[in-house]
Protein backbone atom coordinates (compact mmCIF):
# COMPACT_ATOMS: atom_id res chain seq x y z
CA MET A 1 0.42 22.84 18.75
CA GLU A 2 -1.86 22.42 20.50
CA ILE A 3 -2.82 18.25 18.96
CA LEU A 4 0.82 17.14 18.87
CA LYS A 5 0.97 18.43 22.85
CA ASP A 6 -1.90 16.18 23.90
CA ILE A 7 -0.78 13.35 21.91
CA ARG A 8 3.01 13.66 23.34
CA ASP A 9 1.20 13.82 26.65
CA LEU A 10 -0.65 10.61 26.16
CA ASN A 11 3.30 9.06 25.81
CA VAL A 12 1.93 6.71 22.96
CA GLY A 13 4.48 6.23 20.36
CA GLU A 14 6.95 8.57 18.89
CA VAL A 15 5.29 11.95 17.89
CA LEU A 16 6.95 13.78 15.04
CA ALA A 17 5.51 17.51 13.47
CA ASP A 18 5.05 18.80 10.02
CA VAL A 19 6.07 16.08 8.33
CA ASP A 20 7.18 16.26 5.23
CA ILE A 21 4.42 13.69 3.24
CA ARG A 22 7.06 13.69 0.01
CA GLU A 23 9.47 11.42 2.71
CA TYR A 24 6.93 9.48 3.33
CA THR A 25 5.11 8.31 -0.15
CA THR A 26 6.78 5.77 -3.21
CA TYR A 27 6.07 8.72 -5.29
CA HIS A 28 8.01 11.39 -2.89
CA ALA A 29 5.08 14.01 -3.64
CA GLY A 30 3.16 15.75 -2.41
CA GLY A 31 2.81 18.10 0.76
CA HIS A 32 2.99 18.92 4.92
CA ALA A 33 1.10 17.31 7.56
CA LEU A 34 0.22 17.85 11.00
CA GLY A 35 2.15 15.24 12.54
CA LEU A 36 2.23 11.72 12.20
CA VAL A 37 2.38 9.20 15.12
CA ILE A 38 4.07 5.94 15.13
CA PRO A 39 2.58 4.03 18.23
CA PHE A 40 4.51 1.92 20.78
CA ASP A 41 1.88 -1.45 20.64
CA VAL A 42 -1.97 -1.75 19.99
CA GLU A 43 -2.79 -0.14 23.12
CA GLY A 44 -1.11 2.96 21.70
CA LEU A 45 -2.94 2.73 19.24
CA ILE A 46 -6.61 2.21 20.77
CA ILE A 47 -5.39 5.51 23.12
CA LEU A 48 -4.56 7.78 20.39
CA LEU A 49 -7.47 6.19 17.65
CA LYS A 50 -9.69 7.28 21.14
CA TYR A 51 -8.18 10.72 20.92
CA LEU A 52 -8.12 11.95 17.16
CA ARG A 53 -12.21 10.67 17.11
CA GLU A 54 -13.03 12.52 20.33
CA ASN A 55 -11.68 15.51 19.13
CA HIS A 56 -12.65 15.19 15.61
CA VAL A 57 -9.10 14.97 14.82
CA LYS A 58 -8.29 14.35 11.34
CA HIS A 59 -6.10 10.66 10.56
CA LYS A 60 -4.92 8.59 8.30
CA ILE A 61 -3.08 5.12 9.02
CA LEU A 62 -0.10 4.87 6.91
CA GLY A 63 1.69 2.08 5.83
CA LYS A 64 4.80 2.47 2.66
CA GLY A 65 2.33 4.93 1.39
CA SER A 66 3.17 3.07 -2.16
CA ASN A 67 -0.36 3.29 -2.90
CA LEU A 68 -1.18 6.73 -1.28
CA ILE A 69 -1.50 10.79 -3.86
CA PHE A 70 -1.93 13.02 -1.38
CA SER A 71 -2.53 16.68 -2.15
CA ASP A 72 0.39 19.47 -2.19
CA GLU A 73 -2.14 21.31 0.56
CA LYS A 74 -1.52 20.64 4.27
CA TYR A 75 -2.52 17.80 5.32
CA ASP A 76 -4.00 19.06 8.28
CA GLY A 77 -4.13 16.13 10.25
CA ILE A 78 -1.77 13.33 11.79
CA LEU A 79 -0.66 9.95 10.38
CA ILE A 80 -0.20 6.61 11.69
CA LYS A 81 2.50 4.77 11.06
CA LEU A 82 2.40 0.54 12.22
CA ASP A 83 6.64 0.36 12.20
CA ALA A 84 6.46 -1.05 16.15
CA LEU A 85 3.48 -3.88 14.88
CA ASN A 86 6.21 -6.06 12.96
CA ASP A 87 5.98 -9.33 15.02
CA LEU A 88 7.39 -12.14 13.03
CA GLU A 89 6.85 -15.60 14.15
CA VAL A 90 6.77 -18.92 12.41
CA LYS A 91 5.33 -22.18 13.48
CA GLY A 92 5.42 -25.57 11.11
CA ARG A 93 3.28 -23.70 7.94
CA GLU A 94 1.97 -20.74 9.87
CA VAL A 95 3.42 -17.56 10.33
CA TYR A 96 2.28 -14.29 12.43
CA VAL A 97 3.25 -11.50 11.15
CA GLY A 98 2.59 -7.61 12.18
CA ALA A 99 0.83 -5.46 10.09
CA GLY A 100 4.01 -3.11 9.95
CA TYR A 101 6.45 -5.65 8.66
CA PRO A 102 7.47 -4.66 5.50
CA LEU A 103 5.75 -7.36 2.67
CA THR A 104 9.18 -7.77 0.59
CA LYS A 105 11.52 -7.67 3.18
CA LEU A 106 8.69 -10.49 4.74
CA ALA A 107 8.78 -12.83 1.42
CA VAL A 108 12.27 -12.82 0.96
CA ARG A 109 12.70 -13.75 4.43
CA LEU A 110 10.37 -16.51 3.97
CA SER A 111 11.38 -17.62 0.30
CA ARG A 112 14.74 -18.25 1.56
CA LEU A 113 14.21 -20.26 4.60
CA GLY A 114 12.13 -22.79 2.04
CA TYR A 115 8.78 -21.00 1.73
CA THR A 116 6.91 -21.44 -1.29
CA GLY A 117 3.39 -18.87 -1.62
CA LEU A 118 5.16 -15.05 -1.41
CA GLU A 119 6.99 -15.17 -4.23
CA PHE A 120 4.37 -12.76 -5.73
CA ALA A 121 4.66 -10.38 -2.67
CA THR A 122 9.02 -9.26 -3.23
CA GLY A 123 8.63 -6.63 -6.03
CA ILE A 124 5.55 -5.38 -3.74
CA PRO A 125 6.69 -1.92 -1.42
CA GLY A 126 4.59 -1.91 1.17
CA THR A 127 3.33 -3.50 4.50
CA VAL A 128 1.92 -6.18 5.14
CA GLY A 129 -0.99 -3.98 6.73
CA GLY A 130 -1.52 -2.42 3.37
CA ALA A 131 -0.66 -5.35 1.24
CA ILE A 132 -4.15 -7.02 2.81
CA TYR A 133 -5.87 -3.51 2.13
CA MET A 134 -5.34 -3.71 -0.48
CA ASN A 135 -5.60 -7.49 -1.90
CA ALA A 136 -2.18 -6.88 -3.31
CA GLY A 137 -1.09 -9.42 -5.52
CA ALA A 138 0.97 -10.40 -8.74
CA TYR A 139 1.73 -13.56 -10.96
CA LYS A 140 -1.81 -14.53 -10.90
CA SER A 141 -1.71 -14.73 -7.11
CA ASP A 142 -2.70 -12.43 -4.23
CA MET A 143 -2.72 -12.32 -0.66
CA GLY A 144 -6.33 -13.61 -0.43
CA TYR A 145 -4.55 -16.73 -1.62
CA ILE A 146 -1.94 -17.34 1.58
CA VAL A 147 -4.44 -15.49 4.05
CA LYS A 148 -4.80 -17.78 7.25
CA SER A 149 -6.95 -14.62 9.78
CA VAL A 150 -6.43 -11.31 9.91
CA LYS A 151 -6.34 -10.16 13.57
CA VAL A 152 -8.31 -6.35 13.51
CA LEU A 153 -9.36 -3.67 15.69
CA THR A 154 -12.34 -2.57 15.60
CA PRO A 155 -14.89 0.30 15.39
CA ARG A 156 -15.51 -0.11 19.44
CA TYR A 157 -11.70 -0.94 20.00
CA ARG A 158 -12.10 -4.48 20.78
CA VAL A 159 -9.55 -6.77 18.94
CA MET A 160 -10.55 -9.94 17.17
CA GLU A 161 -9.52 -12.16 14.23
CA MET A 162 -11.46 -12.44 10.90
CA ASN A 163 -10.93 -15.47 8.48
CA ASN A 164 -10.42 -15.57 5.66
CA TYR A 165 -13.86 -15.74 3.97
CA ASP A 166 -15.00 -12.70 6.10
CA MET A 167 -12.55 -10.99 4.70
CA HIS A 168 -14.84 -11.01 1.29
CA PHE A 169 -10.28 -10.82 -0.24
CA HIS A 170 -11.32 -9.85 -4.81
CA TYR A 171 -8.51 -8.67 -7.56
CA ARG A 172 -7.52 -5.65 -5.07
CA SER A 173 -10.47 -5.61 -2.71
CA SER A 174 -11.50 -6.83 0.90
CA PHE A 175 -13.55 -6.10 3.17
CA LEU A 176 -10.99 -3.53 4.89
CA GLN A 177 -11.22 -1.70 1.90
CA GLN A 178 -15.39 -1.57 2.58
CA ASN A 179 -14.50 -0.80 6.33
CA LYS A 180 -12.42 2.00 7.16
CA ASP A 181 -12.60 1.83 10.43
CA TYR A 182 -11.65 -1.24 11.17
CA ILE A 183 -7.74 -1.16 11.57
CA CYS A 184 -5.01 -4.45 9.90
CA LEU A 185 -3.39 -5.45 13.38
CA GLY A 186 -1.32 -8.98 11.64
CA ALA A 187 -1.87 -11.76 10.17
CA THR A 188 -2.29 -14.97 10.49
CA LEU A 189 -0.91 -16.37 6.92
CA ILE A 190 -0.48 -20.47 5.50
CA LEU A 191 2.41 -21.25 3.39
CA GLN A 192 3.67 -24.71 1.61
CA ARG A 193 7.32 -25.93 1.61
CA GLY A 194 9.45 -25.99 -1.15
CA ASP A 195 13.06 -25.85 -2.00
CA PRO A 196 15.21 -22.93 -1.28
CA ASP A 197 16.96 -22.53 -4.30
CA GLU A 198 14.57 -23.22 -6.51
CA ILE A 199 11.91 -20.80 -4.94
CA MET A 200 15.06 -17.84 -5.27
CA GLN A 201 15.68 -19.04 -8.75
CA LEU A 202 12.26 -18.10 -9.51
CA ILE A 203 12.62 -14.23 -7.69
CA GLU A 204 15.62 -13.44 -9.52
CA ASP A 205 13.57 -14.15 -13.24
CA ARG A 206 10.87 -12.45 -11.88
CA LYS A 207 13.13 -9.43 -10.99
CA ARG A 208 15.44 -9.35 -13.96
CA ARG A 209 12.09 -8.92 -15.56
CA ARG A 210 10.59 -6.14 -13.79
CA ILE A 211 13.17 -4.72 -14.60
CA GLU A 212 13.02 -5.15 -18.23
CA SER A 213 9.65 -3.71 -18.81
CA GLN A 214 8.86 -1.54 -15.22
CA PRO A 215 10.41 1.88 -14.53
CA LEU A 216 11.88 0.86 -11.46
CA GLU A 217 14.32 3.58 -10.92
CA TYR A 218 12.09 5.99 -10.92
CA PRO A 219 9.46 7.58 -7.87
CA SER A 220 6.71 5.87 -8.81
CA ALA A 221 3.17 3.82 -7.35
CA GLY A 222 3.15 0.63 -9.13
CA SER A 223 0.22 0.05 -11.28
CA VAL A 224 -2.14 2.72 -11.74
CA PHE A 225 -5.31 0.98 -13.14
CA ARG A 226 -6.55 -2.32 -12.50
CA ASN A 227 -6.37 -4.53 -15.57
CA PRO A 228 -9.94 -4.37 -17.27
CA GLU A 229 -11.72 -7.79 -17.45
CA GLY A 230 -10.43 -9.21 -20.73
CA ASP A 231 -7.85 -7.05 -21.28
CA TYR A 232 -4.25 -4.95 -20.01
CA ALA A 233 -5.00 -0.88 -18.41
CA GLY A 234 -1.17 -0.43 -19.96
CA ARG A 235 -2.42 -2.04 -23.75
CA LEU A 236 -5.75 1.07 -23.60
CA ILE A 237 -3.71 3.32 -22.18
CA GLU A 238 -0.21 3.44 -24.56
CA GLU A 239 -3.13 2.38 -27.25
CA CYS A 240 -4.54 6.52 -26.70
CA GLY A 241 -1.54 8.20 -27.34
CA TYR A 242 -0.23 8.68 -23.48
CA LYS A 243 2.95 6.39 -23.47
CA GLY A 244 5.83 9.50 -22.50
CA TYR A 245 3.12 11.91 -21.69
CA SER A 246 4.03 13.86 -19.28
CA ILE A 247 1.71 16.77 -16.89
CA GLY A 248 4.40 18.75 -14.71
CA GLY A 249 6.89 16.29 -13.41
CA ALA A 250 4.74 13.33 -13.81
CA GLU A 251 4.38 11.11 -16.39
CA VAL A 252 3.81 8.44 -18.23
CA SER A 253 6.58 5.77 -18.47
CA SER A 254 7.51 4.86 -21.50
CA LYS A 255 8.51 1.40 -20.92
CA HIS A 256 5.53 0.55 -19.45
CA ALA A 257 2.24 2.78 -19.76
CA ASN A 258 0.06 1.78 -16.80
CA PHE A 259 2.69 3.37 -14.13
CA ILE A 260 2.93 6.59 -13.31
CA ILE A 261 6.66 8.04 -13.00
CA ASN A 262 7.73 11.38 -11.38
CA LYS A 263 10.46 12.51 -13.40
CA GLY A 264 11.34 14.69 -11.27
CA ASN A 265 9.45 17.17 -8.66
CA ALA A 266 6.48 15.98 -9.06
CA SER A 267 3.49 17.61 -7.26
CA GLY A 268 0.52 15.05 -6.33
CA ASN A 269 -1.91 17.26 -8.39
CA ASP A 270 0.43 16.69 -11.42
CA ILE A 271 0.14 12.82 -10.93
CA LYS A 272 -3.49 13.28 -10.46
CA LYS A 273 -4.89 15.78 -12.93
CA LEU A 274 -2.59 12.89 -15.17
CA ILE A 275 -4.06 9.96 -13.94
CA LEU A 276 -8.12 11.48 -14.34
CA GLU A 277 -6.60 12.33 -17.93
CA ILE A 278 -6.09 9.01 -19.15
CA GLN A 279 -9.29 7.57 -17.42
CA SER A 280 -11.12 10.35 -19.44
CA LYS A 281 -9.24 9.63 -23.11
CA VAL A 282 -9.82 5.51 -21.97
CA LYS A 283 -13.28 5.55 -21.92
CA GLU A 284 -13.40 8.53 -24.90
CA LYS A 285 -12.29 6.21 -26.56
CA TYR A 286 -12.75 2.63 -25.09
CA GLY A 287 -16.15 3.01 -22.73
CA ILE A 288 -14.23 1.26 -20.75
CA GLU A 289 -14.00 2.51 -17.36
CA LEU A 290 -10.51 2.64 -15.55
CA LYS A 291 -10.83 1.49 -12.57
CA ILE A 292 -7.98 3.85 -10.37
CA GLU A 293 -5.88 1.33 -7.98
CA GLN A 294 -4.34 4.46 -5.92
CA GLU A 295 -6.41 6.25 -3.36
CA PHE A 296 -6.03 10.40 -3.77
CA VAL A 297 -5.95 11.85 0.03
CA GLU A 298 -6.21 15.66 0.51
């Protein structure tokens, strides 16, 4: 297609045509996309974005696809993965890491070196950029606790640093979610030093509990809904009788009701329909509108 030919001519990164979105999301669901580009560097990303925006081509930054639910219809646009932005530099307690670096890999690597503060992230599938965008967290901690500053690309293609305060980190929320034309390129984290053996023991204990309580053997995107204040989304869903309930290949996990799993060939539409039905039922029964952590992409 003309768009893909133009992008290849820009020579800004690896270009894949007609990609199966199922290969790029943790739900393993969705249709096909016109193309996917992995820019070589920030300069290539800027050139690519200028082309896409000037030509009004739909596009989306994709991390590990761990919070996205794509439609089964064709995504008539370009997906962008920042995998090449994977620098890692450790200086004392400060760590600079690129947006494309896998979060779990980072957390395990630094924990083994005796850095504490990232233990919560060892079970979160995603990239550093995606984790900052979502302010991903667990075990009463999140990225907002450890981020010193974030390197972003502004809508006017300027690279700048934003400090922690300006990132507006709140529960599963950040400045980037409200300002989607800003793109995370990397971040500086501040961690503490600790005992590597104790840190790794904590990680192993939590991993064992996750295996016992979460359906890690099936494709999913983690928790579907945010916990309402003073309560748990999983409890409300279970009380509504949805544990084990399915639509097509999408099923509410019998292990943890706030997980929807792809039990076998679930479509993006199956997952979306199930999420919206649960949200509606909980509101009807309890008057609580559960906030969806995941994003629907058409």
